[in-house]
């Protein structure tokens, strides 16, 4: 019995120790673009570094890129959050940071957003960037172009600058907004009619059907739219797990 009491704590301690030893470590940020997997060409990497440095200095929005060879059996969501928290991306008061993480072996992508950007660079919009920008480019081996364009879209959405947002992201986002607008219209119209008619003791079904049909039709009609920075340091921003993940 005494032996069992001794072995169990030792075994549990061993498990904790091995997890810590073999856990995937977070690299030090050597700039805004940390291409540890070596998938970007030097020109694109330097240009993107300069772009993100200017973005940070002029707007306070701090976006960083990290590419790695493998997650080594780690969850991309957990590892991404670990990186974002260690690097403390974004302004401390505004939490205006974001991370683009790419793992080559798993073909996995994650956009992690700081608390201050979650309301603008939403999970849905991050998903659109992954599906419509990163995945198509990566499937063709255009890693530098895919990363640069993805970052441009992230910045454009964060700044609410339409000129920086790709048509494929804008169009999909407009369609989503139209769909949600139609759903909200139908929902509120239905309950408004129920409320009014219940007071009068009558419930004209033809009126409900007419409103539902017109709402759906109008929603359908409106849907057609169509250098190295070794001194880099995070601004102290906070992350709570907002963003999106995907594959290519």
C-alpha atoms as a PDB file:
ATOM      1  CA  UNK A   1       0.000   0.000   0.000  1.00  0.00           C
ATOM      2  CA  UNK A   2       2.822   2.376   0.914  1.00  0.00           C
ATOM      3  CA  UNK A   3       4.552   1.527  -2.372  1.00  0.00           C
ATOM      4  CA  UNK A   4       1.425   2.443  -4.369  1.00  0.00           C
ATOM      5  CA  UNK A   5       1.216   5.791  -2.583  1.00  0.00           C
ATOM      6  CA  UNK A   6       4.801   6.446  -3.594  1.00  0.00           C
ATOM      7  CA  UNK A   7       4.551   5.260  -7.218  1.00  0.00           C
ATOM      8  CA  UNK A   8       1.419   7.224  -8.199  1.00  0.00           C
ATOM      9  CA  UNK A   9       2.810  10.708  -7.398  1.00  0.00           C
ATOM     10  CA  UNK A  10       6.096   9.818  -9.098  1.00  0.00           C
ATOM     11  CA  UNK A  11       4.264   8.583 -12.213  1.00  0.00           C
ATOM     12  CA  UNK A  12       2.101  11.715 -12.386  1.00  0.00           C
ATOM     13  CA  UNK A  13       5.149  13.920 -11.924  1.00  0.00           C
ATOM     14  CA  UNK A  14       6.858  12.026 -14.753  1.00  0.00           C
ATOM     15  CA  UNK A  15       3.897  12.644 -17.063  1.00  0.00           C
ATOM     16  CA  UNK A  16       3.899  16.361 -16.296  1.00  0.00           C
ATOM     17  CA  UNK A  17       7.675  16.485 -16.814  1.00  0.00           C
ATOM     18  CA  UNK A  18       7.545  14.717 -20.177  1.00  0.00           C
ATOM     19  CA  UNK A  19       4.735  16.981 -21.387  1.00  0.00           C
ATOM     20  CA  UNK A  20       6.792  20.023 -20.507  1.00  0.00           C
ATOM     21  CA  UNK A  21       9.945  18.626 -22.095  1.00  0.00           C
ATOM     22  CA  UNK A  22       8.282  17.609 -25.359  1.00  0.00           C
ATOM     23  CA  UNK A  23       5.812  20.517 -25.576  1.00  0.00           C
ATOM     24  CA  UNK A  24       6.259  22.663 -28.695  1.00  0.00           C
ATOM     25  CA  UNK A  25       8.077  25.794 -27.592  1.00  0.00           C
ATOM     26  CA  UNK A  26       7.193  29.304 -28.730  1.00  0.00           C
ATOM     27  CA  UNK A  27      10.014  30.979 -30.675  1.00  0.00           C
ATOM     28  CA  UNK A  28      11.136  34.501 -29.913  1.00  0.00           C
ATOM     29  CA  UNK A  29       9.657  37.013 -32.331  1.00  0.00           C
ATOM     30  CA  UNK A  30      12.449  38.330 -34.538  1.00  0.00           C
ATOM     31  CA  UNK A  31      10.143  40.584 -36.525  1.00  0.00           C
ATOM     32  CA  UNK A  32       6.580  40.868 -37.755  1.00  0.00           C
ATOM     33  CA  UNK A  33       7.137  37.926 -40.115  1.00  0.00           C
ATOM     34  CA  UNK A  34       8.689  34.837 -38.548  1.00  0.00           C
ATOM     35  CA  UNK A  35       9.072  32.324 -41.359  1.00  0.00           C
ATOM     36  CA  UNK A  36      10.469  29.375 -39.395  1.00  0.00           C
ATOM     37  CA  UNK A  37       9.306  26.932 -42.085  1.00  0.00           C
ATOM     38  CA  UNK A  38      11.152  28.858 -44.813  1.00  0.00           C
ATOM     39  CA  UNK A  39       8.230  29.014 -47.243  1.00  0.00           C
ATOM     40  CA  UNK A  40       8.493  32.698 -48.214  1.00  0.00           C
ATOM     41  CA  UNK A  41      11.016  34.236 -50.555  1.00  0.00           C
ATOM     42  CA  UNK A  42      13.272  36.920 -49.068  1.00  0.00           C
ATOM     43  CA  UNK A  43      11.790  39.790 -51.106  1.00  0.00           C
ATOM     44  CA  UNK A  44       8.213  39.037 -50.070  1.00  0.00           C
ATOM     45  CA  UNK A  45       9.212  38.497 -46.454  1.00  0.00           C
ATOM     46  CA  UNK A  46      11.045  41.840 -46.248  1.00  0.00           C
ATOM     47  CA  UNK A  47       8.238  43.725 -47.988  1.00  0.00           C
ATOM     48  CA  UNK A  48       5.645  42.243 -45.654  1.00  0.00           C
ATOM     49  CA  UNK A  49       7.809  43.056 -42.629  1.00  0.00           C
ATOM     50  CA  UNK A  50       8.001  46.678 -43.752  1.00  0.00           C
ATOM     51  CA  UNK A  51       4.281  46.842 -44.450  1.00  0.00           C
ATOM     52  CA  UNK A  52       3.383  45.476 -41.017  1.00  0.00           C
ATOM     53  CA  UNK A  53       5.870  47.782 -39.285  1.00  0.00           C
ATOM     54  CA  UNK A  54       4.261  50.798 -40.960  1.00  0.00           C
ATOM     55  CA  UNK A  55       0.807  49.482 -40.081  1.00  0.00           C
ATOM     56  CA  UNK A  56       1.804  49.121 -36.439  1.00  0.00           C
ATOM     57  CA  UNK A  57       3.426  52.557 -36.214  1.00  0.00           C
ATOM     58  CA  UNK A  58       0.634  54.427 -37.996  1.00  0.00           C
ATOM     59  CA  UNK A  59      -2.467  52.667 -36.609  1.00  0.00           C
ATOM     60  CA  UNK A  60      -1.471  50.666 -33.530  1.00  0.00           C
ATOM     61  CA  UNK A  61      -2.730  47.470 -35.185  1.00  0.00           C
ATOM     62  CA  UNK A  62      -0.032  44.839 -34.739  1.00  0.00           C
ATOM     63  CA  UNK A  63      -0.235  41.772 -36.980  1.00  0.00           C
ATOM     64  CA  UNK A  64       2.415  39.060 -36.874  1.00  0.00           C
ATOM     65  CA  UNK A  65       3.019  35.971 -39.010  1.00  0.00           C
ATOM     66  CA  UNK A  66       4.508  32.673 -37.855  1.00  0.00           C
ATOM     67  CA  UNK A  67       5.154  29.655 -40.076  1.00  0.00           C
ATOM     68  CA  UNK A  68       6.349  26.375 -38.551  1.00  0.00           C
ATOM     69  CA  UNK A  69       7.197  22.947 -39.917  1.00  0.00           C
ATOM     70  CA  UNK A  70       4.914  20.977 -37.601  1.00  0.00           C
ATOM     71  CA  UNK A  71       2.583  21.323 -34.633  1.00  0.00           C
ATOM     72  CA  UNK A  72       4.074  18.094 -33.220  1.00  0.00           C
ATOM     73  CA  UNK A  73       0.680  16.762 -32.130  1.00  0.00           C
ATOM     74  CA  UNK A  74      -0.358  20.055 -30.545  1.00  0.00           C
ATOM     75  CA  UNK A  75      -3.707  21.686 -31.255  1.00  0.00           C
ATOM     76  CA  UNK A  76      -3.277  24.681 -33.557  1.00  0.00           C
ATOM     77  CA  UNK A  77      -5.800  26.629 -31.471  1.00  0.00           C
ATOM     78  CA  UNK A  78      -3.903  26.045 -28.234  1.00  0.00           C
ATOM     79  CA  UNK A  79      -0.506  26.714 -29.764  1.00  0.00           C
ATOM     80  CA  UNK A  80      -1.684  29.853 -31.557  1.00  0.00           C
ATOM     81  CA  UNK A  81      -3.071  31.276 -28.328  1.00  0.00           C
ATOM     82  CA  UNK A  82       0.181  30.418 -26.566  1.00  0.00           C
ATOM     83  CA  UNK A  83       2.177  32.298 -29.216  1.00  0.00           C
ATOM     84  CA  UNK A  84      -0.155  35.319 -29.147  1.00  0.00           C
ATOM     85  CA  UNK A  85      -0.018  35.496 -25.369  1.00  0.00           C
ATOM     86  CA  UNK A  86       3.789  35.249 -25.257  1.00  0.00           C
ATOM     87  CA  UNK A  87       4.302  37.829 -27.995  1.00  0.00           C
ATOM     88  CA  UNK A  88       1.581  40.111 -26.499  1.00  0.00           C
ATOM     89  CA  UNK A  89       0.579  41.453 -29.880  1.00  0.00           C
ATOM     90  CA  UNK A  90      -1.342  44.711 -30.114  1.00  0.00           C
ATOM     91  CA  UNK A  91      -1.766  47.909 -28.192  1.00  0.00           C
ATOM     92  CA  UNK A  92      -2.202  47.258 -24.461  1.00  0.00           C
ATOM     93  CA  UNK A  93      -5.197  49.588 -24.135  1.00  0.00           C
ATOM     94  CA  UNK A  94      -6.908  48.521 -27.364  1.00  0.00           C
ATOM     95  CA  UNK A  95      -5.826  44.837 -27.585  1.00  0.00           C
ATOM     96  CA  UNK A  96      -5.375  45.462 -31.320  1.00  0.00           C
ATOM     97  CA  UNK A  97      -3.255  42.459 -32.229  1.00  0.00           C
ATOM     98  CA  UNK A  98      -3.622  39.487 -34.549  1.00  0.00           C
ATOM     99  CA  UNK A  99      -1.568  36.431 -35.456  1.00  0.00           C
ATOM    100  CA  UNK A 100      -1.466  34.395 -38.660  1.00  0.00           C
ATOM    101  CA  UNK A 101      -0.094  30.927 -37.881  1.00  0.00           C
ATOM    102  CA  UNK A 102       0.719  28.321 -40.543  1.00  0.00           C
ATOM    103  CA  UNK A 103       1.882  24.742 -39.945  1.00  0.00           C
ATOM    104  CA  UNK A 104       3.155  23.008 -43.058  1.00  0.00           C
ATOM    105  CA  UNK A 105       3.052  19.329 -42.093  1.00  0.00           C
ATOM    106  CA  UNK A 106      -0.603  19.433 -41.007  1.00  0.00           C
ATOM    107  CA  UNK A 107      -1.629  21.921 -43.729  1.00  0.00           C
ATOM    108  CA  UNK A 108      -3.194  23.885 -40.877  1.00  0.00           C
ATOM    109  CA  UNK A 109      -3.905  27.615 -40.665  1.00  0.00           C
ATOM    110  CA  UNK A 110      -5.062  29.746 -37.768  1.00  0.00           C
ATOM    111  CA  UNK A 111      -5.909  33.446 -37.484  1.00  0.00           C
ATOM    112  CA  UNK A 112      -5.889  34.526 -33.830  1.00  0.00           C
ATOM    113  CA  UNK A 113      -7.475  37.886 -33.010  1.00  0.00           C
ATOM    114  CA  UNK A 114      -6.926  40.123 -30.007  1.00  0.00           C
ATOM    115  CA  UNK A 115      -9.874  41.069 -27.828  1.00  0.00           C
ATOM    116  CA  UNK A 116     -10.059  44.551 -29.335  1.00  0.00           C
ATOM    117  CA  UNK A 117     -10.365  43.270 -32.906  1.00  0.00           C
ATOM    118  CA  UNK A 118     -12.881  40.463 -32.347  1.00  0.00           C
ATOM    119  CA  UNK A 119     -15.845  42.729 -33.108  1.00  0.00           C
ATOM    120  CA  UNK A 120     -14.357  43.787 -36.474  1.00  0.00           C
ATOM    121  CA  UNK A 121     -12.068  40.966 -37.567  1.00  0.00           C
ATOM    122  CA  UNK A 122     -14.725  38.441 -36.603  1.00  0.00           C
ATOM    123  CA  UNK A 123     -14.445  34.649 -36.583  1.00  0.00           C
ATOM    124  CA  UNK A 124     -16.550  34.519 -39.743  1.00  0.00           C
ATOM    125  CA  UNK A 125     -14.328  36.998 -41.594  1.00  0.00           C
ATOM    126  CA  UNK A 126     -11.183  35.171 -40.497  1.00  0.00           C
ATOM    127  CA  UNK A 127     -12.737  31.997 -41.890  1.00  0.00           C
ATOM    128  CA  UNK A 128     -13.398  33.719 -45.211  1.00  0.00           C
ATOM    129  CA  UNK A 129      -9.770  34.830 -45.475  1.00  0.00           C
ATOM    130  CA  UNK A 130      -8.578  31.277 -44.834  1.00  0.00           C
ATOM    131  CA  UNK A 131     -11.016  29.651 -47.278  1.00  0.00           C
ATOM    132  CA  UNK A 132     -10.972  32.233 -50.084  1.00  0.00           C
ATOM    133  CA  UNK A 133      -7.428  33.611 -49.920  1.00  0.00           C
ATOM    134  CA  UNK A 134      -4.984  31.309 -48.140  1.00  0.00           C
ATOM    135  CA  UNK A 135      -6.243  27.875 -49.176  1.00  0.00           C
ATOM    136  CA  UNK A 136      -6.476  28.523 -52.956  1.00  0.00           C
ATOM    137  CA  UNK A 137      -2.995  30.100 -53.068  1.00  0.00           C
ATOM    138  CA  UNK A 138      -1.398  27.439 -50.881  1.00  0.00           C
ATOM    139  CA  UNK A 139      -2.839  24.614 -52.969  1.00  0.00           C
ATOM    140  CA  UNK A 140      -0.957  26.095 -55.924  1.00  0.00           C
ATOM    141  CA  UNK A 141       2.231  26.484 -53.876  1.00  0.00           C
ATOM    142  CA  UNK A 142       1.930  30.294 -53.789  1.00  0.00           C
ATOM    143  CA  UNK A 143       2.858  30.650 -50.130  1.00  0.00           C
ATOM    144  CA  UNK A 144       4.347  34.153 -50.226  1.00  0.00           C
ATOM    145  CA  UNK A 145       1.432  35.540 -52.211  1.00  0.00           C
ATOM    146  CA  UNK A 146      -1.153  33.795 -50.030  1.00  0.00           C
ATOM    147  CA  UNK A 147       0.359  35.096 -46.807  1.00  0.00           C
ATOM    148  CA  UNK A 148       0.795  38.655 -48.079  1.00  0.00           C
ATOM    149  CA  UNK A 149      -2.753  38.796 -49.438  1.00  0.00           C
ATOM    150  CA  UNK A 150      -4.201  37.284 -46.262  1.00  0.00           C
ATOM    151  CA  UNK A 151      -2.421  39.880 -44.119  1.00  0.00           C
ATOM    152  CA  UNK A 152      -3.618  42.650 -46.423  1.00  0.00           C
ATOM    153  CA  UNK A 153      -7.207  41.469 -45.967  1.00  0.00           C
ATOM    154  CA  UNK A 154      -6.778  41.224 -42.198  1.00  0.00           C
ATOM    155  CA  UNK A 155      -5.496  44.807 -42.145  1.00  0.00           C
ATOM    156  CA  UNK A 156      -8.228  46.006 -44.475  1.00  0.00           C
ATOM    157  CA  UNK A 157     -10.981  44.539 -42.316  1.00  0.00           C
ATOM    158  CA  UNK A 158      -9.382  45.831 -39.103  1.00  0.00           C
ATOM    159  CA  UNK A 159      -9.061  49.325 -40.613  1.00  0.00           C
ATOM    160  CA  UNK A 160     -12.423  49.048 -42.392  1.00  0.00           C
ATOM    161  CA  UNK A 161     -10.626  49.999 -45.602  1.00  0.00           C
ATOM    162  CA  UNK A 162     -12.526  48.469 -48.531  1.00  0.00           C
ATOM    163  CA  UNK A 163      -9.620  49.054 -50.924  1.00  0.00           C
ATOM    164  CA  UNK A 164      -7.529  46.464 -49.072  1.00  0.00           C
ATOM    165  CA  UNK A 165     -10.182  43.735 -49.016  1.00  0.00           C
ATOM    166  CA  UNK A 166     -10.242  41.191 -51.842  1.00  0.00           C
ATOM    167  CA  UNK A 167     -13.378  40.765 -53.922  1.00  0.00           C
ATOM    168  CA  UNK A 168     -13.759  37.105 -52.916  1.00  0.00           C
ATOM    169  CA  UNK A 169     -13.845  38.076 -49.238  1.00  0.00           C
ATOM    170  CA  UNK A 170     -16.051  41.123 -49.766  1.00  0.00           C
ATOM    171  CA  UNK A 171     -18.572  39.267 -51.932  1.00  0.00           C
ATOM    172  CA  UNK A 172     -18.874  36.336 -49.547  1.00  0.00           C
ATOM    173  CA  UNK A 173     -19.238  38.727 -46.634  1.00  0.00           C
ATOM    174  CA  UNK A 174     -21.955  40.703 -48.445  1.00  0.00           C
ATOM    175  CA  UNK A 175     -23.848  37.485 -49.170  1.00  0.00           C
ATOM    176  CA  UNK A 176     -23.632  36.497 -45.500  1.00  0.00           C
ATOM    177  CA  UNK A 177     -24.885  39.932 -44.437  1.00  0.00           C
ATOM    178  CA  UNK A 178     -27.804  39.714 -46.885  1.00  0.00           C
ATOM    179  CA  UNK A 179     -28.735  36.271 -45.615  1.00  0.00           C
ATOM    180  CA  UNK A 180     -28.620  37.374 -41.980  1.00  0.00           C
ATOM    181  CA  UNK A 181     -30.623  40.489 -42.841  1.00  0.00           C
ATOM    182  CA  UNK A 182     -33.302  38.324 -44.437  1.00  0.00           C
ATOM    183  CA  UNK A 183     -33.423  36.006 -41.422  1.00  0.00           C
ATOM    184  CA  UNK A 184     -33.744  38.954 -39.032  1.00  0.00           C
ATOM    185  CA  UNK A 185     -36.487  40.496 -41.179  1.00  0.00           C
ATOM    186  CA  UNK A 186     -38.490  37.282 -41.250  1.00  0.00           C
ATOM    187  CA  UNK A 187     -38.024  36.723 -37.520  1.00  0.00           C
ATOM    188  CA  UNK A 188     -39.157  40.181 -36.446  1.00  0.00           C
ATOM    189  CA  UNK A 189     -41.946  40.412 -39.023  1.00  0.00           C
ATOM    190  CA  UNK A 190     -43.373  37.091 -37.845  1.00  0.00           C
ATOM    191  CA  UNK A 191     -43.392  38.024 -34.179  1.00  0.00           C
ATOM    192  CA  UNK A 192     -44.721  41.520 -34.902  1.00  0.00           C
ATOM    193  CA  UNK A 193     -47.693  40.033 -36.725  1.00  0.00           C
ATOM    194  CA  UNK A 194     -48.273  37.466 -33.993  1.00  0.00           C
ATOM    195  CA  UNK A 195     -48.188  40.221 -31.377  1.00  0.00           C
ATOM    196  CA  UNK A 196     -50.554  42.556 -33.222  1.00  0.00           C
ATOM    197  CA  UNK A 197     -53.024  39.899 -34.276  1.00  0.00           C
ATOM    198  CA  UNK A 198     -53.134  38.238 -30.879  1.00  0.00           C
ATOM    199  CA  UNK A 199     -54.400  41.505 -29.426  1.00  0.00           C
ATOM    200  CA  UNK A 200     -57.202  41.612 -32.017  1.00  0.00           C
ATOM    201  CA  UNK A 201     -58.034  37.939 -31.677  1.00  0.00           C
ATOM    202  CA  UNK A 202     -57.357  37.255 -35.325  1.00  0.00           C
ATOM    203  CA  UNK A 203     -54.420  35.771 -37.184  1.00  0.00           C
ATOM    204  CA  UNK A 204     -54.579  36.362 -40.971  1.00  0.00           C
ATOM    205  CA  UNK A 205     -52.383  33.624 -42.368  1.00  0.00           C
ATOM    206  CA  UNK A 206     -52.344  35.098 -45.841  1.00  0.00           C
ATOM    207  CA  UNK A 207     -50.612  38.205 -44.492  1.00  0.00           C
ATOM    208  CA  UNK A 208     -47.891  36.173 -42.794  1.00  0.00           C
ATOM    209  CA  UNK A 209     -47.259  34.104 -45.917  1.00  0.00           C
ATOM    210  CA  UNK A 210     -47.124  37.275 -48.012  1.00  0.00           C
ATOM    211  CA  UNK A 211     -44.582  38.947 -45.731  1.00  0.00           C
ATOM    212  CA  UNK A 212     -42.424  35.853 -45.515  1.00  0.00           C
ATOM    213  CA  UNK A 213     -42.404  35.445 -49.267  1.00  0.00           C
ATOM    214  CA  UNK A 214     -41.645  39.120 -49.958  1.00  0.00           C
ATOM    215  CA  UNK A 215     -38.897  39.161 -47.335  1.00  0.00           C
ATOM    216  CA  UNK A 216     -37.202  36.102 -48.782  1.00  0.00           C
ATOM    217  CA  UNK A 217     -37.535  37.443 -52.322  1.00  0.00           C
ATOM    218  CA  UNK A 218     -36.108  40.855 -51.495  1.00  0.00           C
ATOM    219  CA  UNK A 219     -33.189  39.234 -49.681  1.00  0.00           C
ATOM    220  CA  UNK A 220     -32.452  37.100 -52.723  1.00  0.00           C
ATOM    221  CA  UNK A 221     -32.576  40.093 -55.057  1.00  0.00           C
ATOM    222  CA  UNK A 222     -30.202  42.185 -52.949  1.00  0.00           C
ATOM    223  CA  UNK A 223     -27.556  39.499 -52.687  1.00  0.00           C
ATOM    224  CA  UNK A 224     -25.906  40.378 -55.988  1.00  0.00           C
ATOM    225  CA  UNK A 225     -22.894  42.549 -55.022  1.00  0.00           C
ATOM    226  CA  UNK A 226     -20.367  42.039 -55.492  1.00  0.00           C
ATOM    227  CA  UNK A 227      13.911  44.269 -44.183  1.00  0.00           C
ATOM    228  CA  UNK A 228      14.349  42.696 -40.653  1.00  0.00           C
ATOM    229  CA  UNK A 229      12.969  44.203 -37.424  1.00  0.00           C
ATOM    230  CA  UNK A 230      15.056  42.713 -34.643  1.00  0.00           C
ATOM    231  CA  UNK A 231      13.704  45.311 -32.192  1.00  0.00           C
ATOM    232  CA  UNK A 232      10.156  43.985 -32.488  1.00  0.00           C
ATOM    233  CA  UNK A 233       8.192  43.674 -29.275  1.00  0.00           C
ATOM    234  CA  UNK A 234       4.533  43.169 -28.526  1.00  0.00           C
ATOM    235  CA  UNK A 235       2.481  46.004 -27.121  1.00  0.00           C
ATOM    236  CA  UNK A 236       0.903  44.011 -24.305  1.00  0.00           C
ATOM    237  CA  UNK A 237      -2.362  43.055 -25.996  1.00  0.00           C
ATOM    238  CA  UNK A 238      -4.694  40.368 -24.644  1.00  0.00           C
ATOM    239  CA  UNK A 239      -6.217  37.364 -26.430  1.00  0.00           C
ATOM    240  CA  UNK A 240      -9.184  35.194 -25.471  1.00  0.00           C
ATOM    241  CA  UNK A 241      -9.258  32.661 -28.324  1.00  0.00           C
ATOM    242  CA  UNK A 242     -11.112  34.598 -31.020  1.00  0.00           C
ATOM    243  CA  UNK A 243     -10.412  33.806 -34.671  1.00  0.00           C
ATOM    244  CA  UNK A 244     -10.702  30.855 -37.044  1.00  0.00           C
ATOM    245  CA  UNK A 245      -8.820  27.740 -38.143  1.00  0.00           C
ATOM    246  CA  UNK A 246      -8.719  25.879 -41.425  1.00  0.00           C
ATOM    247  CA  UNK A 247      -6.829  23.587 -43.812  1.00  0.00           C
ATOM    248  CA  UNK A 248      -5.594  23.748 -47.375  1.00  0.00           C
END
